[in-house]
């Protein structure tokens, strides 16, 4: 396991292959092992802000900055924050997996 959430490695690898850039701000991310700028680190993002977090369908990869900013807010609520407004992060600009998650789960 390369995560603390019980996700099978192959599922996490599939998501990492799909999400090359941050699913929110589209920043090119770095591997935390490379010790680069922490704000650019690729992190596992739980689209659902409450457990269980062991479902590969509800994860994406985003930068450390977006992950830390969102915290445990619903995505739709997070879009209204200054962080998202300043960076033009909204339903129309995020990656497809995020839009699909919102359509299905955040009504």
N, C-alpha and C. Protein backbone atom coordinates (compact mmCIF):
# COMPACT_ATOMS: atom_id res chain seq x y z
N UNK A 1 0.84 -1.18 0.00
CA UNK A 1 0.00 0.00 0.00
C UNK A 1 0.89 1.25 0.00
N UNK A 2 0.60 2.18 -0.89
CA UNK A 2 1.34 3.43 -0.87
C UNK A 2 0.46 4.56 -0.34
N UNK A 3 -0.47 4.22 0.54
CA UNK A 3 -1.36 5.21 1.15
C UNK A 3 -1.83 4.67 2.49
N UNK A 4 -2.46 5.53 3.25
CA UNK A 4 -2.93 5.15 4.58
C UNK A 4 -4.43 4.87 4.63
N UNK A 5 -5.07 4.70 3.49
CA UNK A 5 -6.52 4.65 3.45
C UNK A 5 -7.09 3.30 3.01
N UNK A 6 -6.24 2.32 2.84
CA UNK A 6 -6.72 1.00 2.46
C UNK A 6 -7.00 0.86 0.98
N UNK A 7 -6.54 1.79 0.18
CA UNK A 7 -6.74 1.71 -1.26
C UNK A 7 -5.71 0.78 -1.87
N UNK A 8 -6.14 -0.15 -2.72
CA UNK A 8 -5.17 -1.03 -3.37
C UNK A 8 -4.20 -0.23 -4.23
N UNK A 9 -2.95 -0.64 -4.23
CA UNK A 9 -1.91 0.06 -4.98
C UNK A 9 -2.27 0.23 -6.45
N UNK A 10 -2.87 -0.80 -7.06
CA UNK A 10 -3.18 -0.71 -8.48
C UNK A 10 -4.22 0.37 -8.75
N UNK A 11 -5.17 0.56 -7.84
CA UNK A 11 -6.19 1.61 -8.02
C UNK A 11 -5.56 2.99 -7.88
N UNK A 12 -4.70 3.16 -6.90
CA UNK A 12 -4.01 4.44 -6.72
C UNK A 12 -3.14 4.73 -7.94
N UNK A 13 -2.46 3.71 -8.45
CA UNK A 13 -1.62 3.89 -9.64
C UNK A 13 -2.46 4.32 -10.85
N UNK A 14 -3.67 3.76 -11.00
CA UNK A 14 -4.56 4.16 -12.10
C UNK A 14 -4.96 5.62 -11.97
N UNK A 15 -5.29 6.04 -10.76
CA UNK A 15 -5.69 7.43 -10.54
C UNK A 15 -4.49 8.36 -10.79
N UNK A 16 -3.31 7.97 -10.33
CA UNK A 16 -2.12 8.79 -10.56
C UNK A 16 -1.80 8.89 -12.07
N UNK A 17 -2.04 7.84 -12.79
CA UNK A 17 -1.82 7.87 -14.24
C UNK A 17 -2.82 8.79 -14.93
N UNK A 18 -4.02 8.82 -14.43
CA UNK A 18 -5.08 9.67 -15.01
C UNK A 18 -4.84 11.13 -14.67
N UNK A 19 -4.50 11.41 -13.42
CA UNK A 19 -4.41 12.79 -12.93
C UNK A 19 -2.95 13.25 -12.90
N UNK A 20 -2.44 13.66 -14.03
CA UNK A 20 -1.05 14.12 -14.13
C UNK A 20 -0.89 15.53 -13.56
N UNK A 21 -1.88 16.37 -13.76
CA UNK A 21 -1.90 17.73 -13.22
C UNK A 21 -2.93 17.78 -12.10
N UNK A 22 -2.85 18.78 -11.25
CA UNK A 22 -3.82 18.94 -10.17
C UNK A 22 -5.22 19.00 -10.77
N UNK A 23 -6.14 18.22 -10.23
CA UNK A 23 -7.50 18.17 -10.77
C UNK A 23 -8.25 19.48 -10.53
N UNK A 24 -7.73 20.34 -9.69
CA UNK A 24 -8.39 21.62 -9.40
C UNK A 24 -7.71 22.79 -10.13
N UNK A 25 -6.44 23.04 -9.85
CA UNK A 25 -5.77 24.22 -10.40
C UNK A 25 -4.92 23.91 -11.64
N UNK A 26 -4.77 22.64 -11.96
CA UNK A 26 -4.04 22.16 -13.14
C UNK A 26 -2.53 22.39 -13.06
N UNK A 27 -2.03 22.63 -11.86
CA UNK A 27 -0.59 22.78 -11.65
C UNK A 27 0.09 21.43 -11.92
N UNK A 28 1.27 21.48 -12.50
CA UNK A 28 2.08 20.28 -12.64
C UNK A 28 2.65 19.98 -11.26
N UNK A 29 2.44 18.76 -10.80
CA UNK A 29 2.81 18.40 -9.43
C UNK A 29 4.12 17.62 -9.42
N UNK A 30 4.70 17.57 -8.22
CA UNK A 30 5.94 16.82 -8.02
C UNK A 30 5.70 15.70 -7.03
N UNK A 31 6.57 14.73 -7.05
CA UNK A 31 6.50 13.63 -6.10
C UNK A 31 7.09 14.11 -4.78
N UNK A 32 6.37 13.91 -3.66
CA UNK A 32 6.92 14.32 -2.37
C UNK A 32 8.30 13.74 -2.08
N UNK A 33 8.61 12.60 -2.65
CA UNK A 33 9.92 11.99 -2.44
C UNK A 33 11.04 12.83 -3.03
N UNK A 34 10.70 13.69 -4.01
CA UNK A 34 11.71 14.53 -4.65
C UNK A 34 12.08 15.74 -3.79
N UNK A 35 11.36 15.95 -2.70
CA UNK A 35 11.65 17.03 -1.75
C UNK A 35 11.56 18.42 -2.36
N UNK A 36 10.77 18.58 -3.40
CA UNK A 36 10.59 19.90 -4.00
C UNK A 36 9.70 20.78 -3.13
N UNK A 37 9.19 21.83 -3.70
CA UNK A 37 8.30 22.75 -3.00
C UNK A 37 7.05 22.01 -2.54
N UNK A 38 6.80 22.04 -1.26
CA UNK A 38 5.68 21.27 -0.68
C UNK A 38 4.34 21.63 -1.32
N UNK A 39 4.14 22.88 -1.69
CA UNK A 39 2.87 23.28 -2.28
C UNK A 39 2.60 22.60 -3.61
N UNK A 40 3.65 22.08 -4.24
CA UNK A 40 3.51 21.40 -5.53
C UNK A 40 3.39 19.88 -5.42
N UNK A 41 3.49 19.36 -4.23
CA UNK A 41 3.44 17.92 -4.05
C UNK A 41 2.10 17.33 -4.52
N UNK A 42 2.17 16.19 -5.17
CA UNK A 42 0.97 15.45 -5.54
C UNK A 42 0.43 14.74 -4.30
N UNK A 43 -0.85 14.91 -4.04
CA UNK A 43 -1.47 14.29 -2.86
C UNK A 43 -2.75 13.57 -3.27
N UNK A 44 -3.11 12.57 -2.49
CA UNK A 44 -4.39 11.90 -2.71
C UNK A 44 -5.49 12.80 -2.17
N UNK A 45 -6.44 13.12 -3.00
CA UNK A 45 -7.57 13.97 -2.63
C UNK A 45 -8.81 13.11 -2.51
N UNK A 46 -9.49 13.23 -1.39
CA UNK A 46 -10.74 12.51 -1.18
C UNK A 46 -11.88 13.43 -1.56
N UNK A 47 -12.49 13.15 -2.68
CA UNK A 47 -13.57 14.00 -3.16
C UNK A 47 -14.72 14.00 -2.16
N UNK A 48 -14.95 12.86 -1.52
CA UNK A 48 -15.92 12.81 -0.43
C UNK A 48 -15.18 13.24 0.83
N UNK A 49 -15.70 14.23 1.53
CA UNK A 49 -14.95 14.77 2.65
C UNK A 49 -15.16 14.01 3.96
N UNK A 50 -15.92 12.95 3.92
CA UNK A 50 -16.15 12.14 5.11
C UNK A 50 -15.85 10.68 4.78
N UNK A 51 -15.39 9.91 5.77
CA UNK A 51 -15.12 8.48 5.52
C UNK A 51 -16.37 7.76 5.03
N UNK A 52 -16.26 6.65 4.36
CA UNK A 52 -15.02 5.89 4.15
C UNK A 52 -14.19 6.48 3.01
N UNK A 53 -12.89 6.33 3.12
CA UNK A 53 -11.97 6.85 2.12
C UNK A 53 -11.26 5.74 1.38
N UNK A 54 -11.86 4.57 1.31
CA UNK A 54 -11.19 3.43 0.67
C UNK A 54 -11.79 3.10 -0.69
N UNK A 55 -12.42 4.07 -1.32
CA UNK A 55 -13.09 3.86 -2.60
C UNK A 55 -12.34 4.62 -3.69
N UNK A 56 -11.74 3.92 -4.61
CA UNK A 56 -10.94 4.55 -5.65
C UNK A 56 -11.77 5.47 -6.55
N UNK A 57 -13.07 5.29 -6.61
CA UNK A 57 -13.93 6.14 -7.43
C UNK A 57 -14.00 7.56 -6.88
N UNK A 58 -13.80 7.69 -5.58
CA UNK A 58 -13.95 9.00 -4.96
C UNK A 58 -12.61 9.65 -4.60
N UNK A 59 -11.54 9.24 -5.29
CA UNK A 59 -10.26 9.91 -5.07
C UNK A 59 -9.76 10.50 -6.38
N UNK A 60 -8.90 11.48 -6.21
CA UNK A 60 -8.23 12.12 -7.33
C UNK A 60 -6.86 12.55 -6.81
N UNK A 61 -6.06 13.09 -7.69
CA UNK A 61 -4.75 13.58 -7.27
C UNK A 61 -4.77 15.10 -7.46
N UNK A 62 -4.40 15.79 -6.39
CA UNK A 62 -4.33 17.25 -6.48
C UNK A 62 -3.07 17.72 -5.78
N UNK A 63 -2.74 18.99 -5.98
CA UNK A 63 -1.55 19.54 -5.35
C UNK A 63 -1.80 19.75 -3.86
N UNK A 64 -0.73 19.80 -3.11
CA UNK A 64 -0.80 19.99 -1.67
C UNK A 64 -1.55 21.28 -1.33
N UNK A 65 -1.33 22.34 -2.11
CA UNK A 65 -1.98 23.62 -1.83
C UNK A 65 -3.49 23.51 -1.90
N UNK A 66 -4.00 22.92 -2.96
CA UNK A 66 -5.46 22.77 -3.11
C UNK A 66 -6.01 21.84 -2.04
N UNK A 67 -5.31 20.75 -1.77
CA UNK A 67 -5.77 19.79 -0.78
C UNK A 67 -5.85 20.46 0.60
N UNK A 68 -4.83 21.22 0.96
CA UNK A 68 -4.82 21.89 2.26
C UNK A 68 -5.89 22.97 2.32
N UNK A 69 -6.09 23.69 1.25
CA UNK A 69 -7.10 24.74 1.23
C UNK A 69 -8.50 24.17 1.38
N UNK A 70 -8.77 23.10 0.68
CA UNK A 70 -10.11 22.51 0.74
C UNK A 70 -10.41 21.93 2.10
N UNK A 71 -9.43 21.27 2.71
CA UNK A 71 -9.67 20.68 4.03
C UNK A 71 -10.84 19.71 3.97
N UNK A 72 -11.82 19.88 4.85
CA UNK A 72 -12.97 18.97 4.87
C UNK A 72 -14.24 19.63 4.35
N UNK A 73 -14.09 20.68 3.54
CA UNK A 73 -15.26 21.35 2.95
C UNK A 73 -15.81 20.53 1.79
N UNK A 74 -17.11 20.62 1.57
CA UNK A 74 -17.67 20.09 0.33
C UNK A 74 -17.04 20.87 -0.82
N UNK A 75 -16.86 20.22 -1.94
CA UNK A 75 -16.21 20.88 -3.07
C UNK A 75 -16.99 22.12 -3.49
N UNK A 76 -18.30 22.00 -3.59
CA UNK A 76 -19.12 23.14 -4.02
C UNK A 76 -18.97 24.33 -3.08
N UNK A 77 -18.87 24.08 -1.78
CA UNK A 77 -18.66 25.16 -0.82
C UNK A 77 -17.26 25.73 -0.95
N UNK A 78 -16.29 24.88 -1.17
CA UNK A 78 -14.90 25.32 -1.31
C UNK A 78 -14.74 26.26 -2.51
N UNK A 79 -15.48 26.01 -3.59
CA UNK A 79 -15.41 26.87 -4.77
C UNK A 79 -15.70 28.33 -4.43
N UNK A 80 -16.45 28.58 -3.38
CA UNK A 80 -16.85 29.95 -3.00
C UNK A 80 -15.78 30.66 -2.17
N UNK A 81 -14.73 29.97 -1.79
CA UNK A 81 -13.70 30.57 -0.95
C UNK A 81 -12.79 31.49 -1.76
N UNK A 82 -12.11 32.37 -1.07
CA UNK A 82 -11.19 33.29 -1.71
C UNK A 82 -10.10 32.54 -2.49
N UNK A 83 -9.63 31.44 -1.92
CA UNK A 83 -8.60 30.64 -2.58
C UNK A 83 -9.04 30.27 -3.99
N UNK A 84 -10.25 29.73 -4.13
CA UNK A 84 -10.74 29.29 -5.44
C UNK A 84 -11.07 30.47 -6.34
N UNK A 85 -11.68 31.49 -5.80
CA UNK A 85 -12.04 32.65 -6.60
C UNK A 85 -10.78 33.27 -7.21
N UNK A 86 -9.74 33.44 -6.40
CA UNK A 86 -8.49 34.04 -6.90
C UNK A 86 -7.82 33.19 -7.97
N UNK A 87 -8.02 31.89 -7.93
CA UNK A 87 -7.37 30.97 -8.86
C UNK A 87 -8.29 30.48 -9.97
N UNK A 88 -9.50 31.02 -10.00
CA UNK A 88 -10.50 30.62 -11.00
C UNK A 88 -10.76 29.11 -10.98
N UNK A 89 -10.91 28.56 -9.78
CA UNK A 89 -11.24 27.15 -9.61
C UNK A 89 -12.74 27.06 -9.38
N UNK A 90 -13.43 26.39 -10.29
CA UNK A 90 -14.88 26.26 -10.19
C UNK A 90 -15.33 25.04 -10.98
N UNK A 91 -16.61 24.79 -10.98
CA UNK A 91 -17.16 23.62 -11.65
C UNK A 91 -16.74 23.54 -13.12
N UNK A 92 -16.61 24.66 -13.77
CA UNK A 92 -16.28 24.67 -15.19
C UNK A 92 -14.79 24.48 -15.47
N UNK A 93 -13.94 24.68 -14.46
CA UNK A 93 -12.50 24.63 -14.72
C UNK A 93 -11.81 23.38 -14.16
N UNK A 94 -12.48 22.65 -13.28
CA UNK A 94 -11.85 21.47 -12.69
C UNK A 94 -11.85 20.30 -13.67
N UNK A 95 -11.05 19.31 -13.37
CA UNK A 95 -10.94 18.12 -14.22
C UNK A 95 -12.24 17.31 -14.19
N UNK A 96 -12.43 16.54 -15.22
CA UNK A 96 -13.65 15.74 -15.39
C UNK A 96 -13.99 14.85 -14.20
N UNK A 97 -13.05 14.15 -13.58
CA UNK A 97 -13.42 13.31 -12.43
C UNK A 97 -14.09 14.11 -11.30
N UNK A 98 -13.66 15.34 -11.11
CA UNK A 98 -14.26 16.19 -10.07
C UNK A 98 -15.67 16.59 -10.48
N UNK A 99 -15.84 16.99 -11.73
CA UNK A 99 -17.19 17.37 -12.22
C UNK A 99 -18.16 16.19 -12.10
N UNK A 100 -17.69 15.01 -12.48
CA UNK A 100 -18.54 13.82 -12.37
C UNK A 100 -18.92 13.52 -10.93
N UNK A 101 -17.96 13.65 -10.04
CA UNK A 101 -18.24 13.41 -8.62
C UNK A 101 -19.29 14.40 -8.11
N UNK A 102 -19.14 15.68 -8.44
CA UNK A 102 -20.09 16.69 -7.98
C UNK A 102 -21.49 16.39 -8.52
N UNK A 103 -21.58 16.07 -9.79
CA UNK A 103 -22.89 15.77 -10.39
C UNK A 103 -23.57 14.59 -9.69
N UNK A 104 -22.77 13.60 -9.32
CA UNK A 104 -23.35 12.39 -8.73
C UNK A 104 -23.63 12.52 -7.24
N UNK A 105 -22.74 13.20 -6.50
CA UNK A 105 -22.83 13.17 -5.05
C UNK A 105 -23.14 14.49 -4.36
N UNK A 106 -22.87 15.62 -4.99
CA UNK A 106 -23.13 16.91 -4.35
C UNK A 106 -24.25 17.62 -5.08
N UNK A 107 -25.45 17.26 -4.77
CA UNK A 107 -26.60 17.84 -5.45
C UNK A 107 -27.19 18.98 -4.68
